[in-house]
């Protein structure tokens, strides 16, 4: 227990978290780490982590890395679907050829999942020293120059992302717009059909490399919106630099993800190995491990 507390002390200090995180980690995340140990066979373990915006998936991935490396001596590589975004020029070109909404990064069709597949497959072959995973610089809205390179063979690749592991919707579900953005900017359904087609194609090849899934399920889409509004308001109050969105900008931006978020909310829990149920404030209400 002292080792776990030391890991938590260091992680809380490093991430600037409150002491409330300790009890949450001990109740939910330490058992989750031990469940992941039970999944490990002889080869590389690949786990996908799905969570809505602001759900805490990046922090959870960081803790699991610290825990598994610190307590079990694993080598853990953490990747993010956000790091697989296409370059800005590629997205501008896509927006011109297919639909203007594709200039916005985020939805399926705006990533180069082939780069993620090459990284995971390289590690699976044992070519981990040559395997590289891109990094994305959101401040520049473009791919970073420095990519992830591993210093030792990984025991676990943990990849997180808001739509990691999602499957395509039935085509008939695309007919009716889900919100004002789709009614106004995608009246013919070109954008949502393209997103769904890409999700059902190359993305499934990438997701198929992962043997286990953790799904952080929001209580509602409205809770996702409210949480993102709170994040941006806190940034405005702090007067931090960089691009900070107003409330209406936040609502317009999050609307891009509404369709798939609602679909995953209904469909993903039956497939996930672990479901983390979140409350209205994205606090954890319960965790179900199968």
C-alpha atoms as a PDB file:
ATOM      1  CA  UNK A   1       0.000   0.000   0.000  1.00  0.00           C
ATOM      2  CA  UNK A   2       2.908   2.361   0.696  1.00  0.00           C
ATOM      3  CA  UNK A   3       4.131   1.900  -2.874  1.00  0.00           C
ATOM      4  CA  UNK A   4       0.694   2.805  -4.221  1.00  0.00           C
ATOM      5  CA  UNK A   5       0.523   5.904  -2.026  1.00  0.00           C
ATOM      6  CA  UNK A   6       3.956   6.979  -3.231  1.00  0.00           C
ATOM      7  CA  UNK A   7       2.833   6.583  -6.840  1.00  0.00           C
ATOM      8  CA  UNK A   8      -0.284   8.620  -6.042  1.00  0.00           C
ATOM      9  CA  UNK A   9       1.691  11.310  -4.213  1.00  0.00           C
ATOM     10  CA  UNK A  10       3.953  11.797  -7.196  1.00  0.00           C
ATOM     11  CA  UNK A  11       1.128  11.702  -9.726  1.00  0.00           C
ATOM     12  CA  UNK A  12      -1.098  14.147  -7.833  1.00  0.00           C
ATOM     13  CA  UNK A  13       1.777  16.590  -7.459  1.00  0.00           C
ATOM     14  CA  UNK A  14       2.857  16.261 -11.086  1.00  0.00           C
ATOM     15  CA  UNK A  15      -0.663  16.766 -12.468  1.00  0.00           C
ATOM     16  CA  UNK A  16      -1.685  19.448  -9.951  1.00  0.00           C
ATOM     17  CA  UNK A  17      -4.664  17.395  -8.742  1.00  0.00           C
ATOM     18  CA  UNK A  18      -6.608  17.749  -5.512  1.00  0.00           C
ATOM     19  CA  UNK A  19      -6.449  15.186  -2.712  1.00  0.00           C
ATOM     20  CA  UNK A  20      -9.935  14.058  -3.728  1.00  0.00           C
ATOM     21  CA  UNK A  21      -8.267  12.297  -6.642  1.00  0.00           C
ATOM     22  CA  UNK A  22      -6.567   9.897  -4.198  1.00  0.00           C
ATOM     23  CA  UNK A  23      -9.785   8.305  -2.946  1.00  0.00           C
ATOM     24  CA  UNK A  24     -11.152   8.093  -6.495  1.00  0.00           C
ATOM     25  CA  UNK A  25      -7.990   6.384  -7.709  1.00  0.00           C
ATOM     26  CA  UNK A  26      -7.927   3.922  -4.816  1.00  0.00           C
ATOM     27  CA  UNK A  27     -11.589   3.032  -5.287  1.00  0.00           C
ATOM     28  CA  UNK A  28     -11.684   2.776  -9.075  1.00  0.00           C
ATOM     29  CA  UNK A  29      -8.371   3.182 -10.881  1.00  0.00           C
ATOM     30  CA  UNK A  30      -6.135   0.877  -8.847  1.00  0.00           C
ATOM     31  CA  UNK A  31      -8.598  -2.030  -9.318  1.00  0.00           C
ATOM     32  CA  UNK A  32      -8.754  -1.123 -13.006  1.00  0.00           C
ATOM     33  CA  UNK A  33      -4.964  -1.312 -13.212  1.00  0.00           C
ATOM     34  CA  UNK A  34      -5.032  -4.743 -11.600  1.00  0.00           C
ATOM     35  CA  UNK A  35      -7.708  -5.893 -14.036  1.00  0.00           C
ATOM     36  CA  UNK A  36      -5.435  -4.825 -16.882  1.00  0.00           C
ATOM     37  CA  UNK A  37      -2.649  -6.931 -15.367  1.00  0.00           C
ATOM     38  CA  UNK A  38      -5.004  -9.921 -15.581  1.00  0.00           C
ATOM     39  CA  UNK A  39      -5.460  -9.224 -19.313  1.00  0.00           C
ATOM     40  CA  UNK A  40      -1.739  -9.464 -20.010  1.00  0.00           C
ATOM     41  CA  UNK A  41      -0.537 -12.547 -21.847  1.00  0.00           C
ATOM     42  CA  UNK A  42       2.877 -13.283 -23.302  1.00  0.00           C
ATOM     43  CA  UNK A  43       2.737 -10.666 -26.021  1.00  0.00           C
ATOM     44  CA  UNK A  44       1.987  -6.953 -26.273  1.00  0.00           C
ATOM     45  CA  UNK A  45      -1.280  -5.821 -24.645  1.00  0.00           C
ATOM     46  CA  UNK A  46      -3.219  -3.157 -26.575  1.00  0.00           C
ATOM     47  CA  UNK A  47      -6.065  -1.382 -24.767  1.00  0.00           C
ATOM     48  CA  UNK A  48      -8.370   1.343 -26.090  1.00  0.00           C
ATOM     49  CA  UNK A  49      -9.798   4.047 -23.799  1.00  0.00           C
ATOM     50  CA  UNK A  50     -12.906   5.920 -24.958  1.00  0.00           C
ATOM     51  CA  UNK A  51     -14.177   9.021 -23.163  1.00  0.00           C
ATOM     52  CA  UNK A  52     -16.130  12.129 -24.070  1.00  0.00           C
ATOM     53  CA  UNK A  53     -14.570  15.588 -23.958  1.00  0.00           C
ATOM     54  CA  UNK A  54     -13.594  16.520 -20.418  1.00  0.00           C
ATOM     55  CA  UNK A  55     -14.294  13.044 -19.038  1.00  0.00           C
ATOM     56  CA  UNK A  56     -10.789  12.669 -17.596  1.00  0.00           C
ATOM     57  CA  UNK A  57      -9.546  10.023 -20.009  1.00  0.00           C
ATOM     58  CA  UNK A  58      -6.125  11.631 -20.520  1.00  0.00           C
ATOM     59  CA  UNK A  59      -5.575  11.870 -16.753  1.00  0.00           C
ATOM     60  CA  UNK A  60      -6.724   8.275 -16.322  1.00  0.00           C
ATOM     61  CA  UNK A  61      -4.319   7.114 -19.028  1.00  0.00           C
ATOM     62  CA  UNK A  62      -1.512   8.985 -17.277  1.00  0.00           C
ATOM     63  CA  UNK A  63      -2.320   7.396 -13.930  1.00  0.00           C
ATOM     64  CA  UNK A  64      -2.504   3.885 -15.388  1.00  0.00           C
ATOM     65  CA  UNK A  65       0.905   4.410 -16.958  1.00  0.00           C
ATOM     66  CA  UNK A  66       2.373   5.635 -13.656  1.00  0.00           C
ATOM     67  CA  UNK A  67       0.733   2.793 -11.721  1.00  0.00           C
ATOM     68  CA  UNK A  68       1.656  -0.073 -14.033  1.00  0.00           C
ATOM     69  CA  UNK A  69       5.209   1.146 -14.512  1.00  0.00           C
ATOM     70  CA  UNK A  70       5.744   1.993 -10.842  1.00  0.00           C
ATOM     71  CA  UNK A  71       4.146  -1.057  -9.236  1.00  0.00           C
ATOM     72  CA  UNK A  72       4.518  -3.757 -11.893  1.00  0.00           C
ATOM     73  CA  UNK A  73       7.598  -2.613 -13.780  1.00  0.00           C
ATOM     74  CA  UNK A  74       5.802  -2.428 -17.118  1.00  0.00           C
ATOM     75  CA  UNK A  75       6.775  -0.257 -20.043  1.00  0.00           C
ATOM     76  CA  UNK A  76       3.633   1.640 -21.078  1.00  0.00           C
ATOM     77  CA  UNK A  77       3.221   3.675 -24.268  1.00  0.00           C
ATOM     78  CA  UNK A  78       0.287   6.109 -24.176  1.00  0.00           C
ATOM     79  CA  UNK A  79      -1.081   7.404 -27.458  1.00  0.00           C
ATOM     80  CA  UNK A  80      -3.997   9.643 -28.333  1.00  0.00           C
ATOM     81  CA  UNK A  81      -6.337   9.624 -31.303  1.00  0.00           C
ATOM     82  CA  UNK A  82      -5.899  13.419 -31.269  1.00  0.00           C
ATOM     83  CA  UNK A  83      -2.264  12.919 -32.263  1.00  0.00           C
ATOM     84  CA  UNK A  84      -3.340  11.193 -35.471  1.00  0.00           C
ATOM     85  CA  UNK A  85      -5.042  14.265 -36.946  1.00  0.00           C
ATOM     86  CA  UNK A  86      -4.310  14.984 -40.564  1.00  0.00           C
ATOM     87  CA  UNK A  87      -2.199  18.064 -41.205  1.00  0.00           C
ATOM     88  CA  UNK A  88      -3.947  21.400 -41.538  1.00  0.00           C
ATOM     89  CA  UNK A  89      -3.264  21.509 -45.285  1.00  0.00           C
ATOM     90  CA  UNK A  90      -4.705  18.017 -45.710  1.00  0.00           C
ATOM     91  CA  UNK A  91      -7.880  18.989 -43.849  1.00  0.00           C
ATOM     92  CA  UNK A  92      -8.259  22.211 -45.841  1.00  0.00           C
ATOM     93  CA  UNK A  93      -7.954  20.165 -49.023  1.00  0.00           C
ATOM     94  CA  UNK A  94     -10.499  17.653 -47.730  1.00  0.00           C
ATOM     95  CA  UNK A  95     -12.890  20.469 -46.841  1.00  0.00           C
ATOM     96  CA  UNK A  96     -12.639  21.827 -50.386  1.00  0.00           C
ATOM     97  CA  UNK A  97     -13.183  18.450 -52.022  1.00  0.00           C
ATOM     98  CA  UNK A  98     -15.844  16.933 -49.769  1.00  0.00           C
ATOM     99  CA  UNK A  99     -17.461  19.313 -47.237  1.00  0.00           C
ATOM    100  CA  UNK A 100     -16.423  22.537 -45.457  1.00  0.00           C
ATOM    101  CA  UNK A 101     -17.044  21.051 -41.976  1.00  0.00           C
ATOM    102  CA  UNK A 102     -14.099  18.703 -42.497  1.00  0.00           C
ATOM    103  CA  UNK A 103     -11.718  21.608 -41.964  1.00  0.00           C
ATOM    104  CA  UNK A 104     -12.552  21.141 -38.265  1.00  0.00           C
ATOM    105  CA  UNK A 105     -10.413  18.427 -36.701  1.00  0.00           C
ATOM    106  CA  UNK A 106     -12.102  15.868 -34.503  1.00  0.00           C
ATOM    107  CA  UNK A 107     -14.534  13.600 -36.313  1.00  0.00           C
ATOM    108  CA  UNK A 108     -13.657  10.362 -38.127  1.00  0.00           C
ATOM    109  CA  UNK A 109     -12.226  11.222 -41.515  1.00  0.00           C
ATOM    110  CA  UNK A 110      -9.932  13.928 -40.118  1.00  0.00           C
ATOM    111  CA  UNK A 111      -7.303  11.474 -38.784  1.00  0.00           C
ATOM    112  CA  UNK A 112      -4.565   9.500 -40.485  1.00  0.00           C
ATOM    113  CA  UNK A 113      -5.249   6.232 -38.713  1.00  0.00           C
ATOM    114  CA  UNK A 114      -2.695   4.516 -40.933  1.00  0.00           C
ATOM    115  CA  UNK A 115       0.028   6.163 -38.859  1.00  0.00           C
ATOM    116  CA  UNK A 116      -1.471   4.706 -35.692  1.00  0.00           C
ATOM    117  CA  UNK A 117      -1.709   1.268 -37.270  1.00  0.00           C
ATOM    118  CA  UNK A 118       1.915   1.409 -38.388  1.00  0.00           C
ATOM    119  CA  UNK A 119       3.005   2.274 -34.835  1.00  0.00           C
ATOM    120  CA  UNK A 120       1.032  -0.514 -33.144  1.00  0.00           C
ATOM    121  CA  UNK A 121       1.880  -3.115 -35.768  1.00  0.00           C
ATOM    122  CA  UNK A 122       5.570  -2.201 -35.575  1.00  0.00           C
ATOM    123  CA  UNK A 123       5.505  -2.754 -31.824  1.00  0.00           C
ATOM    124  CA  UNK A 124       3.663  -6.050 -32.247  1.00  0.00           C
ATOM    125  CA  UNK A 125       6.365  -7.263 -34.654  1.00  0.00           C
ATOM    126  CA  UNK A 126       9.036  -6.317 -32.149  1.00  0.00           C
ATOM    127  CA  UNK A 127      10.239  -3.351 -34.218  1.00  0.00           C
ATOM    128  CA  UNK A 128       9.536  -0.954 -31.346  1.00  0.00           C
ATOM    129  CA  UNK A 129      12.832   0.953 -31.755  1.00  0.00           C
ATOM    130  CA  UNK A 130      11.812   2.020 -35.267  1.00  0.00           C
ATOM    131  CA  UNK A 131       8.109   2.503 -34.520  1.00  0.00           C
ATOM    132  CA  UNK A 132       7.060   6.147 -34.162  1.00  0.00           C
ATOM    133  CA  UNK A 133       3.704   7.732 -33.354  1.00  0.00           C
ATOM    134  CA  UNK A 134       2.904  11.299 -34.411  1.00  0.00           C
ATOM    135  CA  UNK A 135       2.182  14.107 -31.984  1.00  0.00           C
ATOM    136  CA  UNK A 136      -0.216  16.949 -32.781  1.00  0.00           C
ATOM    137  CA  UNK A 137       0.254  20.568 -31.723  1.00  0.00           C
ATOM    138  CA  UNK A 138      -3.239  21.956 -31.131  1.00  0.00           C
ATOM    139  CA  UNK A 139      -1.902  25.482 -30.632  1.00  0.00           C
ATOM    140  CA  UNK A 140      -0.584  25.397 -34.217  1.00  0.00           C
ATOM    141  CA  UNK A 141      -3.456  23.224 -35.447  1.00  0.00           C
ATOM    142  CA  UNK A 142      -0.868  21.057 -37.164  1.00  0.00           C
ATOM    143  CA  UNK A 143       1.335  18.051 -36.667  1.00  0.00           C
ATOM    144  CA  UNK A 144       4.260  18.521 -34.282  1.00  0.00           C
ATOM    145  CA  UNK A 145       7.828  18.009 -35.393  1.00  0.00           C
ATOM    146  CA  UNK A 146       8.742  15.718 -32.472  1.00  0.00           C
ATOM    147  CA  UNK A 147       7.061  12.298 -32.570  1.00  0.00           C
ATOM    148  CA  UNK A 148       6.775   9.619 -29.884  1.00  0.00           C
ATOM    149  CA  UNK A 149       9.729   7.221 -29.861  1.00  0.00           C
ATOM    150  CA  UNK A 150      10.019   4.373 -27.385  1.00  0.00           C
ATOM    151  CA  UNK A 151      13.050   3.730 -25.205  1.00  0.00           C
ATOM    152  CA  UNK A 152      12.216   0.084 -24.486  1.00  0.00           C
ATOM    153  CA  UNK A 153       9.879  -2.621 -25.691  1.00  0.00           C
ATOM    154  CA  UNK A 154       6.320  -1.842 -24.524  1.00  0.00           C
ATOM    155  CA  UNK A 155       4.267  -4.228 -22.431  1.00  0.00           C
ATOM    156  CA  UNK A 156       1.154  -2.113 -23.007  1.00  0.00           C
ATOM    157  CA  UNK A 157      -0.031   0.346 -25.625  1.00  0.00           C
ATOM    158  CA  UNK A 158      -2.877   2.419 -24.175  1.00  0.00           C
ATOM    159  CA  UNK A 159      -4.593   4.583 -26.786  1.00  0.00           C
ATOM    160  CA  UNK A 160      -7.208   7.121 -25.707  1.00  0.00           C
ATOM    161  CA  UNK A 161      -9.660   9.199 -27.698  1.00  0.00           C
ATOM    162  CA  UNK A 162     -13.199  10.500 -27.737  1.00  0.00           C
ATOM    163  CA  UNK A 163     -14.292   8.035 -30.462  1.00  0.00           C
ATOM    164  CA  UNK A 164     -11.767   5.228 -29.978  1.00  0.00           C
ATOM    165  CA  UNK A 165     -13.487   1.931 -30.703  1.00  0.00           C
ATOM    166  CA  UNK A 166     -16.652   3.452 -32.158  1.00  0.00           C
ATOM    167  CA  UNK A 167     -18.517   1.632 -34.918  1.00  0.00           C
ATOM    168  CA  UNK A 168     -20.482   3.121 -37.798  1.00  0.00           C
ATOM    169  CA  UNK A 169     -24.153   3.967 -37.393  1.00  0.00           C
ATOM    170  CA  UNK A 170     -26.812   2.230 -39.487  1.00  0.00           C
ATOM    171  CA  UNK A 171     -27.195   4.195 -42.734  1.00  0.00           C
ATOM    172  CA  UNK A 172     -30.872   4.873 -42.051  1.00  0.00           C
ATOM    173  CA  UNK A 173     -29.913   6.703 -38.836  1.00  0.00           C
ATOM    174  CA  UNK A 174     -28.140   9.367 -40.899  1.00  0.00           C
ATOM    175  CA  UNK A 175     -31.293  10.653 -42.589  1.00  0.00           C
ATOM    176  CA  UNK A 176     -32.510  12.942 -39.810  1.00  0.00           C
ATOM    177  CA  UNK A 177     -30.208  15.697 -38.474  1.00  0.00           C
ATOM    178  CA  UNK A 178     -29.511  15.447 -34.747  1.00  0.00           C
ATOM    179  CA  UNK A 179     -29.033  19.169 -34.120  1.00  0.00           C
ATOM    180  CA  UNK A 180     -29.166  22.659 -35.608  1.00  0.00           C
ATOM    181  CA  UNK A 181     -25.642  22.428 -36.988  1.00  0.00           C
ATOM    182  CA  UNK A 182     -26.515  19.416 -39.108  1.00  0.00           C
ATOM    183  CA  UNK A 183     -29.769  21.001 -40.272  1.00  0.00           C
ATOM    184  CA  UNK A 184     -28.026  24.235 -41.230  1.00  0.00           C
ATOM    185  CA  UNK A 185     -24.593  23.145 -42.475  1.00  0.00           C
ATOM    186  CA  UNK A 186     -25.200  19.556 -43.617  1.00  0.00           C
ATOM    187  CA  UNK A 187     -28.750  19.602 -44.933  1.00  0.00           C
ATOM    188  CA  UNK A 188     -27.931  17.030 -47.642  1.00  0.00           C
ATOM    189  CA  UNK A 189     -26.126  14.733 -45.222  1.00  0.00           C
ATOM    190  CA  UNK A 190     -22.823  14.781 -47.140  1.00  0.00           C
ATOM    191  CA  UNK A 191     -20.655  15.456 -44.088  1.00  0.00           C
ATOM    192  CA  UNK A 192     -22.250  12.924 -41.737  1.00  0.00           C
ATOM    193  CA  UNK A 193     -22.300  10.252 -44.459  1.00  0.00           C
ATOM    194  CA  UNK A 194     -18.598  10.793 -45.146  1.00  0.00           C
ATOM    195  CA  UNK A 195     -17.772  10.611 -41.427  1.00  0.00           C
ATOM    196  CA  UNK A 196     -19.791   7.419 -41.012  1.00  0.00           C
ATOM    197  CA  UNK A 197     -18.248   5.803 -44.093  1.00  0.00           C
ATOM    198  CA  UNK A 198     -14.715   6.521 -42.898  1.00  0.00           C
ATOM    199  CA  UNK A 199     -15.541   5.266 -39.406  1.00  0.00           C
ATOM    200  CA  UNK A 200     -16.811   1.994 -40.862  1.00  0.00           C
ATOM    201  CA  UNK A 201     -13.691   1.615 -43.009  1.00  0.00           C
ATOM    202  CA  UNK A 202     -10.070   2.309 -42.106  1.00  0.00           C
ATOM    203  CA  UNK A 203     -10.858   3.157 -38.484  1.00  0.00           C
ATOM    204  CA  UNK A 204     -12.094  -0.377 -37.868  1.00  0.00           C
ATOM    205  CA  UNK A 205      -8.758  -1.731 -39.074  1.00  0.00           C
ATOM    206  CA  UNK A 206      -7.014   0.413 -36.459  1.00  0.00           C
ATOM    207  CA  UNK A 207      -9.488  -0.348 -33.666  1.00  0.00           C
ATOM    208  CA  UNK A 208      -9.213  -4.048 -34.470  1.00  0.00           C
ATOM    209  CA  UNK A 209      -5.633  -4.020 -33.163  1.00  0.00           C
ATOM    210  CA  UNK A 210      -6.923  -3.496 -29.605  1.00  0.00           C
ATOM    211  CA  UNK A 211      -8.017  -6.490 -27.543  1.00  0.00           C
ATOM    212  CA  UNK A 212      -9.710  -4.700 -24.622  1.00  0.00           C
ATOM    213  CA  UNK A 213     -11.806  -1.554 -24.229  1.00  0.00           C
ATOM    214  CA  UNK A 214     -12.519   0.902 -21.424  1.00  0.00           C
ATOM    215  CA  UNK A 215     -15.546   3.149 -21.981  1.00  0.00           C
ATOM    216  CA  UNK A 216     -16.145   6.277 -19.907  1.00  0.00           C
ATOM    217  CA  UNK A 217     -19.861   6.810 -20.393  1.00  0.00           C
ATOM    218  CA  UNK A 218     -21.266  10.338 -19.933  1.00  0.00           C
ATOM    219  CA  UNK A 219     -24.614  10.700 -18.205  1.00  0.00           C
ATOM    220  CA  UNK A 220     -25.958  12.666 -21.182  1.00  0.00           C
ATOM    221  CA  UNK A 221     -24.769  14.748 -24.098  1.00  0.00           C
ATOM    222  CA  UNK A 222     -25.987  17.831 -22.258  1.00  0.00           C
ATOM    223  CA  UNK A 223     -23.524  17.002 -19.468  1.00  0.00           C
ATOM    224  CA  UNK A 224     -20.703  16.898 -22.031  1.00  0.00           C
ATOM    225  CA  UNK A 225     -21.679  20.355 -23.299  1.00  0.00           C
ATOM    226  CA  UNK A 226     -21.958  21.801 -19.798  1.00  0.00           C
ATOM    227  CA  UNK A 227     -18.602  20.410 -18.783  1.00  0.00           C
ATOM    228  CA  UNK A 228     -16.920  21.910 -21.845  1.00  0.00           C
ATOM    229  CA  UNK A 229     -18.584  25.278 -21.127  1.00  0.00           C
ATOM    230  CA  UNK A 230     -17.207  25.191 -17.572  1.00  0.00           C
ATOM    231  CA  UNK A 231     -13.706  24.452 -18.896  1.00  0.00           C
ATOM    232  CA  UNK A 232     -13.728  27.440 -21.236  1.00  0.00           C
ATOM    233  CA  UNK A 233     -15.220  29.744 -18.589  1.00  0.00           C
ATOM    234  CA  UNK A 234     -12.432  28.787 -16.182  1.00  0.00           C
ATOM    235  CA  UNK A 235      -9.884  29.620 -18.868  1.00  0.00           C
ATOM    236  CA  UNK A 236     -11.513  33.018 -19.410  1.00  0.00           C
ATOM    237  CA  UNK A 237     -11.496  33.722 -15.667  1.00  0.00           C
ATOM    238  CA  UNK A 238      -7.798  32.880 -15.454  1.00  0.00           C
ATOM    239  CA  UNK A 239      -7.037  35.122 -18.402  1.00  0.00           C
ATOM    240  CA  UNK A 240      -4.794  32.500 -19.945  1.00  0.00           C
ATOM    241  CA  UNK A 241      -3.260  32.918 -23.365  1.00  0.00           C
ATOM    242  CA  UNK A 242      -4.250  31.080 -26.502  1.00  0.00           C
ATOM    243  CA  UNK A 243      -7.586  30.733 -28.235  1.00  0.00           C
ATOM    244  CA  UNK A 244     -10.502  30.688 -25.774  1.00  0.00           C
ATOM    245  CA  UNK A 245     -14.035  30.130 -27.062  1.00  0.00           C
ATOM    246  CA  UNK A 246     -17.167  31.931 -25.987  1.00  0.00           C
ATOM    247  CA  UNK A 247     -20.241  29.962 -24.911  1.00  0.00           C
ATOM    248  CA  UNK A 248     -21.880  29.920 -28.350  1.00  0.00           C
ATOM    249  CA  UNK A 249     -18.628  28.922 -29.989  1.00  0.00           C
ATOM    250  CA  UNK A 250     -18.349  26.032 -27.546  1.00  0.00           C
ATOM    251  CA  UNK A 251     -21.877  24.860 -28.312  1.00  0.00           C
ATOM    252  CA  UNK A 252     -21.223  25.038 -32.063  1.00  0.00           C
ATOM    253  CA  UNK A 253     -17.955  23.145 -31.706  1.00  0.00           C
ATOM    254  CA  UNK A 254     -19.330  20.386 -29.479  1.00  0.00           C
ATOM    255  CA  UNK A 255     -22.275  19.975 -31.868  1.00  0.00           C
ATOM    256  CA  UNK A 256     -19.820  18.407 -34.325  1.00  0.00           C
ATOM    257  CA  UNK A 257     -19.493  15.451 -31.948  1.00  0.00           C
ATOM    258  CA  UNK A 258     -23.106  15.088 -30.830  1.00  0.00           C
ATOM    259  CA  UNK A 259     -24.240  12.433 -33.279  1.00  0.00           C
ATOM    260  CA  UNK A 260     -21.436   9.986 -32.579  1.00  0.00           C
ATOM    261  CA  UNK A 261     -21.388  10.709 -28.825  1.00  0.00           C
ATOM    262  CA  UNK A 262     -25.086   9.824 -28.527  1.00  0.00           C
ATOM    263  CA  UNK A 263     -24.600   6.712 -30.672  1.00  0.00           C
ATOM    264  CA  UNK A 264     -21.674   5.464 -28.561  1.00  0.00           C
ATOM    265  CA  UNK A 265     -23.629   6.201 -25.373  1.00  0.00           C
ATOM    266  CA  UNK A 266     -26.224   3.665 -26.520  1.00  0.00           C
ATOM    267  CA  UNK A 267     -24.080   1.126 -28.348  1.00  0.00           C
ATOM    268  CA  UNK A 268     -20.648   0.883 -26.703  1.00  0.00           C
ATOM    269  CA  UNK A 269     -21.448  -0.358 -23.150  1.00  0.00           C
ATOM    270  CA  UNK A 270     -22.377  -3.841 -24.356  1.00  0.00           C
ATOM    271  CA  UNK A 271     -18.978  -4.276 -26.017  1.00  0.00           C
ATOM    272  CA  UNK A 272     -16.680  -2.687 -23.462  1.00  0.00           C
ATOM    273  CA  UNK A 273     -14.683  -4.724 -20.962  1.00  0.00           C
ATOM    274  CA  UNK A 274     -14.925  -1.873 -18.445  1.00  0.00           C
ATOM    275  CA  UNK A 275     -17.652   0.785 -18.281  1.00  0.00           C
ATOM    276  CA  UNK A 276     -17.043   3.843 -16.111  1.00  0.00           C
ATOM    277  CA  UNK A 277     -20.397   5.540 -15.498  1.00  0.00           C
ATOM    278  CA  UNK A 278     -20.069   9.316 -15.114  1.00  0.00           C
ATOM    279  CA  UNK A 279     -22.461  11.691 -13.356  1.00  0.00           C
ATOM    280  CA  UNK A 280     -23.651  15.127 -14.495  1.00  0.00           C
ATOM    281  CA  UNK A 281     -20.397  16.751 -13.401  1.00  0.00           C
ATOM    282  CA  UNK A 282     -18.346  13.931 -14.942  1.00  0.00           C
ATOM    283  CA  UNK A 283     -17.712  12.505 -11.472  1.00  0.00           C
ATOM    284  CA  UNK A 284     -17.621   8.697 -11.326  1.00  0.00           C
ATOM    285  CA  UNK A 285     -20.851   7.108 -10.144  1.00  0.00           C
ATOM    286  CA  UNK A 286     -19.835   3.478 -10.626  1.00  0.00           C
ATOM    287  CA  UNK A 287     -17.541   1.201 -12.592  1.00  0.00           C
ATOM    288  CA  UNK A 288     -18.518  -2.131 -14.106  1.00  0.00           C
ATOM    289  CA  UNK A 289     -15.753  -4.605 -14.991  1.00  0.00           C
ATOM    290  CA  UNK A 290     -16.603  -7.748 -16.932  1.00  0.00           C
END
